[in-house]
């Protein structure tokens, strides 16, 4: 049985982790939807469409510069946070990753049910990949 590629496949290859891959795709979608930087929006659109890998995008001068600038802004914002703000941001990051894990577990259960499985054995992420 042939399956269509998962939308996060290119990111899973890069991150080695389906949870982080999904979060990366969501981050690119946020950039596409909310960034004021036209180069970042264009880069996100190209990567999300699959026309360009994120690694290749970093080598496009305009995209690479926009990404570096955004990362520098993020680092400055992080450095300006108090210790309690940093802990809160880290906890929010953990909550987001937990939510993504839940999404992926639910999708695995749905696939199992649609493929005739009992749906009683959800896939589990072990930090290196998914297992049933």
Protein backbone atom coordinates (compact mmCIF):
# COMPACT_ATOMS: atom_id res chain seq x y z
CA UNK A 1 0.00 0.00 0.00
CA UNK A 2 1.46 3.37 -1.01
CA UNK A 3 1.09 6.31 1.31
CA UNK A 4 1.36 9.96 0.42
CA UNK A 5 4.21 11.87 2.00
CA UNK A 6 3.41 13.47 5.32
CA UNK A 7 3.45 17.29 5.29
CA UNK A 8 6.27 17.35 7.86
CA UNK A 9 8.47 14.80 6.09
CA UNK A 10 11.17 17.24 4.91
CA UNK A 11 11.38 18.68 8.42
CA UNK A 12 11.52 15.25 10.07
CA UNK A 13 14.52 14.41 7.90
CA UNK A 14 16.21 17.59 9.14
CA UNK A 15 15.27 17.41 12.82
CA UNK A 16 15.14 13.63 13.26
CA UNK A 17 12.06 14.13 15.43
CA UNK A 18 8.45 14.27 14.19
CA UNK A 19 7.41 16.49 17.11
CA UNK A 20 10.07 19.10 16.39
CA UNK A 21 9.38 18.76 12.67
CA UNK A 22 5.69 19.59 13.20
CA UNK A 23 6.63 22.52 15.42
CA UNK A 24 9.05 23.79 12.77
CA UNK A 25 6.30 23.65 10.14
CA UNK A 26 3.98 25.55 12.47
CA UNK A 27 6.67 28.16 13.07
CA UNK A 28 7.12 28.65 9.33
CA UNK A 29 3.34 29.01 8.96
CA UNK A 30 3.38 31.67 11.69
CA UNK A 31 6.14 33.52 9.84
CA UNK A 32 4.11 33.33 6.64
CA UNK A 33 0.97 34.59 8.36
CA UNK A 34 2.42 37.23 10.69
CA UNK A 35 5.88 38.44 9.72
CA UNK A 36 6.31 42.02 8.57
CA UNK A 37 9.44 41.00 6.64
CA UNK A 38 8.59 40.23 2.99
CA UNK A 39 11.76 38.14 2.54
CA UNK A 40 10.87 35.95 5.54
CA UNK A 41 7.31 35.51 4.30
CA UNK A 42 8.55 34.54 0.84
CA UNK A 43 11.08 32.12 2.32
CA UNK A 44 8.40 30.50 4.49
CA UNK A 45 6.06 30.17 1.49
CA UNK A 46 8.80 28.54 -0.62
CA UNK A 47 9.82 26.11 2.13
CA UNK A 48 6.25 25.19 3.09
CA UNK A 49 5.38 24.56 -0.56
CA UNK A 50 8.33 22.18 -0.86
CA UNK A 51 9.94 24.20 -3.64
CA UNK A 52 12.92 24.94 -1.39
CA UNK A 53 14.40 23.17 1.61
CA UNK A 54 15.09 25.19 4.74
CA UNK A 55 18.80 24.43 4.35
CA UNK A 56 18.74 25.73 0.77
CA UNK A 57 16.75 28.79 1.85
CA UNK A 58 19.50 29.71 4.30
CA UNK A 59 21.90 29.86 1.34
CA UNK A 60 19.75 32.38 -0.56
CA UNK A 61 21.35 35.69 0.47
CA UNK A 62 18.10 37.61 1.05
CA UNK A 63 16.52 34.73 3.00
CA UNK A 64 19.66 33.98 4.97
CA UNK A 65 20.04 37.61 6.02
CA UNK A 66 16.36 37.82 7.01
CA UNK A 67 16.68 34.63 9.08
CA UNK A 68 19.86 35.86 10.79
CA UNK A 69 18.22 39.18 11.57
CA UNK A 70 15.15 37.45 13.03
CA UNK A 71 17.31 35.14 15.13
CA UNK A 72 19.32 38.08 16.44
CA UNK A 73 16.11 39.89 17.41
CA UNK A 74 14.88 36.77 19.17
CA UNK A 75 18.15 36.37 21.03
CA UNK A 76 18.08 40.01 22.15
CA UNK A 77 14.49 39.58 23.36
CA UNK A 78 15.48 36.42 25.26
CA UNK A 79 18.48 38.14 26.84
CA UNK A 80 16.24 41.02 27.95
CA UNK A 81 13.90 38.64 29.81
CA UNK A 82 14.05 38.19 33.54
CA UNK A 83 14.81 34.72 34.86
CA UNK A 84 11.12 34.16 35.66
CA UNK A 85 10.11 35.27 32.14
CA UNK A 86 12.61 32.81 30.69
CA UNK A 87 11.23 29.99 32.82
CA UNK A 88 7.71 30.91 31.74
CA UNK A 89 8.73 30.97 28.05
CA UNK A 90 10.47 27.59 28.43
CA UNK A 91 7.38 26.12 30.08
CA UNK A 92 5.22 27.47 27.26
CA UNK A 93 7.58 25.79 24.79
CA UNK A 94 7.19 22.49 26.64
CA UNK A 95 3.39 22.88 26.59
CA UNK A 96 3.47 23.49 22.85
CA UNK A 97 5.63 20.41 22.25
CA UNK A 98 3.29 18.33 24.45
CA UNK A 99 0.33 19.57 22.40
CA UNK A 100 2.10 18.56 19.19
CA UNK A 101 2.85 15.12 20.66
CA UNK A 102 -0.87 14.79 21.38
CA UNK A 103 -1.75 15.79 17.82
CA UNK A 104 0.65 13.23 16.38
CA UNK A 105 -0.61 10.50 18.71
CA UNK A 106 -4.20 11.24 17.66
CA UNK A 107 -3.24 11.20 13.98
CA UNK A 108 -1.52 7.83 14.49
CA UNK A 109 -4.68 6.46 16.13
CA UNK A 110 -6.79 7.79 13.24
CA UNK A 111 -4.46 6.18 10.67
CA UNK A 112 -4.60 2.92 12.58
CA UNK A 113 -8.40 2.97 12.61
CA UNK A 114 -8.63 3.86 8.92
CA UNK A 115 -6.20 1.07 8.03
CA UNK A 116 -8.30 -1.46 9.88
CA UNK A 117 -6.35 -1.49 13.13
CA UNK A 118 -8.10 -1.59 16.45
CA UNK A 119 -6.97 1.91 17.36
CA UNK A 120 -6.26 0.61 20.85
CA UNK A 121 -2.49 0.82 20.48
CA UNK A 122 -1.57 4.43 19.86
CA UNK A 123 1.86 5.22 18.48
CA UNK A 124 4.35 6.47 21.01
CA UNK A 125 7.24 8.82 20.45
CA UNK A 126 10.41 7.68 22.16
CA UNK A 127 12.58 10.70 21.42
CA UNK A 128 14.16 9.03 18.39
CA UNK A 129 11.09 8.14 16.36
CA UNK A 130 7.64 6.65 16.48
CA UNK A 131 6.79 3.12 17.48
CA UNK A 132 3.55 1.24 17.82
